[in-house]
Amino acid sequence: MTPYERLTAWKLAHQLALETYRITTDFPATERFGLTSQLRRAASSVVANIAEGSAKRGKAEFRRFLDISLGSLLELQYTLLLSRDLQILANG
């Protein structure tokens, strides 16, 4: 398998995780164990599953980890939407 650092999906997901950590630093302290934690865990899960899947033998195993990564990406998307609608995350 290709080293995960060379995968475009991993590079983009890593940038997304970094940005997620950056934007959540300004979240209210009351959300430290709520939305902040949920967003950070989902973002890091996307990247980690791509990396882990790249080490598996066979395309079917790798696809399984990509499916898990996609699920985490959708979890991140919804939690960002919720944060925006709760006016914790600024539009834009």
C-alpha atoms as a PDB file:
ATOM      1  CA  MET A   1       0.000   0.000   0.000  1.00  0.00           C
ATOM      2  CA  THR A   2       0.958   3.605  -0.515  1.00  0.00           C
ATOM      3  CA  PRO A   3       2.271   5.401   2.567  1.00  0.00           C
ATOM      4  CA  TYR A   4      -0.669   7.364   3.914  1.00  0.00           C
ATOM      5  CA  GLU A   5       1.224  10.675   3.850  1.00  0.00           C
ATOM      6  CA  ARG A   6       1.189  10.496   0.039  1.00  0.00           C
ATOM      7  CA  LEU A   7      -2.581  10.088  -0.222  1.00  0.00           C
ATOM      8  CA  THR A   8      -4.426  13.246  -1.270  1.00  0.00           C
ATOM      9  CA  ALA A   9      -7.396  12.256   0.902  1.00  0.00           C
ATOM     10  CA  TRP A  10      -5.130  11.994   3.944  1.00  0.00           C
ATOM     11  CA  LYS A  11      -3.479  15.367   3.232  1.00  0.00           C
ATOM     12  CA  LEU A  12      -6.847  17.101   2.917  1.00  0.00           C
ATOM     13  CA  ALA A  13      -8.265  15.356   5.971  1.00  0.00           C
ATOM     14  CA  HIS A  14      -5.194  16.335   7.981  1.00  0.00           C
ATOM     15  CA  GLN A  15      -5.695  19.990   7.007  1.00  0.00           C
ATOM     16  CA  LEU A  16      -9.363  19.671   7.992  1.00  0.00           C
ATOM     17  CA  ALA A  17      -8.382  18.255  11.386  1.00  0.00           C
ATOM     18  CA  LEU A  18      -5.927  21.107  11.975  1.00  0.00           C
ATOM     19  CA  GLU A  19      -8.584  23.657  11.027  1.00  0.00           C
ATOM     20  CA  THR A  20     -11.121  21.947  13.287  1.00  0.00           C
ATOM     21  CA  TYR A  21      -8.748  22.220  16.233  1.00  0.00           C
ATOM     22  CA  ARG A  22      -8.093  25.872  15.359  1.00  0.00           C
ATOM     23  CA  ILE A  23     -11.753  26.915  15.177  1.00  0.00           C
ATOM     24  CA  THR A  24     -12.736  25.048  18.338  1.00  0.00           C
ATOM     25  CA  THR A  25     -10.170  26.859  20.485  1.00  0.00           C
ATOM     26  CA  ASP A  26     -12.635  29.755  20.679  1.00  0.00           C
ATOM     27  CA  PHE A  27     -15.641  27.614  21.612  1.00  0.00           C
ATOM     28  CA  PRO A  28     -17.157  28.315  25.042  1.00  0.00           C
ATOM     29  CA  ALA A  29     -15.631  26.475  27.983  1.00  0.00           C
ATOM     30  CA  THR A  30     -19.051  24.915  28.605  1.00  0.00           C
ATOM     31  CA  GLU A  31     -18.619  23.010  25.324  1.00  0.00           C
ATOM     32  CA  ARG A  32     -15.189  21.559  26.174  1.00  0.00           C
ATOM     33  CA  PHE A  33     -16.666  18.106  26.781  1.00  0.00           C
ATOM     34  CA  GLY A  34     -19.525  18.552  24.319  1.00  0.00           C
ATOM     35  CA  LEU A  35     -19.237  19.997  20.842  1.00  0.00           C
ATOM     36  CA  THR A  36     -15.517  20.789  21.064  1.00  0.00           C
ATOM     37  CA  SER A  37     -14.666  17.223  21.981  1.00  0.00           C
ATOM     38  CA  GLN A  38     -17.087  15.751  19.433  1.00  0.00           C
ATOM     39  CA  LEU A  39     -15.724  17.866  16.584  1.00  0.00           C
ATOM     40  CA  ARG A  40     -12.110  17.114  17.411  1.00  0.00           C
ATOM     41  CA  ARG A  41     -12.702  13.385  17.786  1.00  0.00           C
ATOM     42  CA  ALA A  42     -14.604  13.182  14.492  1.00  0.00           C
ATOM     43  CA  ALA A  43     -11.948  15.194  12.622  1.00  0.00           C
ATOM     44  CA  SER A  44      -9.072  13.126  13.967  1.00  0.00           C
ATOM     45  CA  SER A  45     -10.993   9.922  13.268  1.00  0.00           C
ATOM     46  CA  VAL A  46     -11.251  10.801   9.572  1.00  0.00           C
ATOM     47  CA  VAL A  47      -7.476  11.108   9.293  1.00  0.00           C
ATOM     48  CA  ALA A  48      -6.636   8.192  11.563  1.00  0.00           C
ATOM     49  CA  ASN A  49      -8.872   5.758   9.677  1.00  0.00           C
ATOM     50  CA  ILE A  50      -7.317   6.698   6.346  1.00  0.00           C
ATOM     51  CA  ALA A  51      -3.863   6.131   7.842  1.00  0.00           C
ATOM     52  CA  GLU A  52      -4.841   2.859   9.510  1.00  0.00           C
ATOM     53  CA  GLY A  53      -6.607   1.564   6.425  1.00  0.00           C
ATOM     54  CA  SER A  54      -3.588   2.247   4.237  1.00  0.00           C
ATOM     55  CA  ALA A  55      -1.620  -0.274   6.285  1.00  0.00           C
ATOM     56  CA  LYS A  56      -4.145  -3.067   5.805  1.00  0.00           C
ATOM     57  CA  ARG A  57      -3.609  -5.833   3.319  1.00  0.00           C
ATOM     58  CA  GLY A  58      -5.937  -5.799   0.394  1.00  0.00           C
ATOM     59  CA  LYS A  59      -8.219  -3.271  -1.160  1.00  0.00           C
ATOM     60  CA  ALA A  60     -11.343  -4.554   0.588  1.00  0.00           C
ATOM     61  CA  GLU A  61      -9.879  -3.838   4.036  1.00  0.00           C
ATOM     62  CA  PHE A  62      -8.707  -0.410   2.934  1.00  0.00           C
ATOM     63  CA  ARG A  63     -12.196   0.359   1.568  1.00  0.00           C
ATOM     64  CA  ARG A  64     -13.714  -0.646   4.908  1.00  0.00           C
ATOM     65  CA  PHE A  65     -11.554   1.915   6.708  1.00  0.00           C
ATOM     66  CA  LEU A  66     -12.390   4.541   4.094  1.00  0.00           C
ATOM     67  CA  ASP A  67     -16.085   3.863   4.765  1.00  0.00           C
ATOM     68  CA  ILE A  68     -15.481   4.421   8.479  1.00  0.00           C
ATOM     69  CA  SER A  69     -13.601   7.606   7.638  1.00  0.00           C
ATOM     70  CA  LEU A  70     -16.518   8.803   5.520  1.00  0.00           C
ATOM     71  CA  GLY A  71     -18.881   8.196   8.430  1.00  0.00           C
ATOM     72  CA  SER A  72     -16.671  10.328  10.669  1.00  0.00           C
ATOM     73  CA  LEU A  73     -16.563  13.028   8.005  1.00  0.00           C
ATOM     74  CA  LEU A  74     -20.369  13.174   7.927  1.00  0.00           C
ATOM     75  CA  GLU A  75     -20.438  13.263  11.730  1.00  0.00           C
ATOM     76  CA  LEU A  76     -18.056  16.238  11.566  1.00  0.00           C
ATOM     77  CA  GLN A  77     -20.221  17.930   8.942  1.00  0.00           C
ATOM     78  CA  TYR A  78     -23.358  17.642  11.045  1.00  0.00           C
ATOM     79  CA  THR A  79     -21.648  18.760  14.242  1.00  0.00           C
ATOM     80  CA  LEU A  80     -20.297  21.843  12.442  1.00  0.00           C
ATOM     81  CA  LEU A  81     -23.828  22.580  11.211  1.00  0.00           C
ATOM     82  CA  LEU A  82     -25.168  22.210  14.751  1.00  0.00           C
ATOM     83  CA  SER A  83     -22.425  24.484  16.091  1.00  0.00           C
ATOM     84  CA  ARG A  84     -23.299  27.089  13.488  1.00  0.00           C
ATOM     85  CA  ASP A  85     -27.031  26.889  14.168  1.00  0.00           C
ATOM     86  CA  LEU A  86     -26.397  27.216  17.907  1.00  0.00           C
ATOM     87  CA  GLN A  87     -24.381  30.326  17.019  1.00  0.00           C
ATOM     88  CA  ILE A  88     -21.221  28.898  18.549  1.00  0.00           C
ATOM     89  CA  LEU A  89     -19.489  28.789  15.181  1.00  0.00           C
ATOM     90  CA  ALA A  90     -19.548  31.959  13.113  1.00  0.00           C
ATOM     91  CA  ASN A  91     -20.883  31.787   9.553  1.00  0.00           C
ATOM     92  CA  GLY A  92     -18.232  31.991   6.907  1.00  0.00           C
END
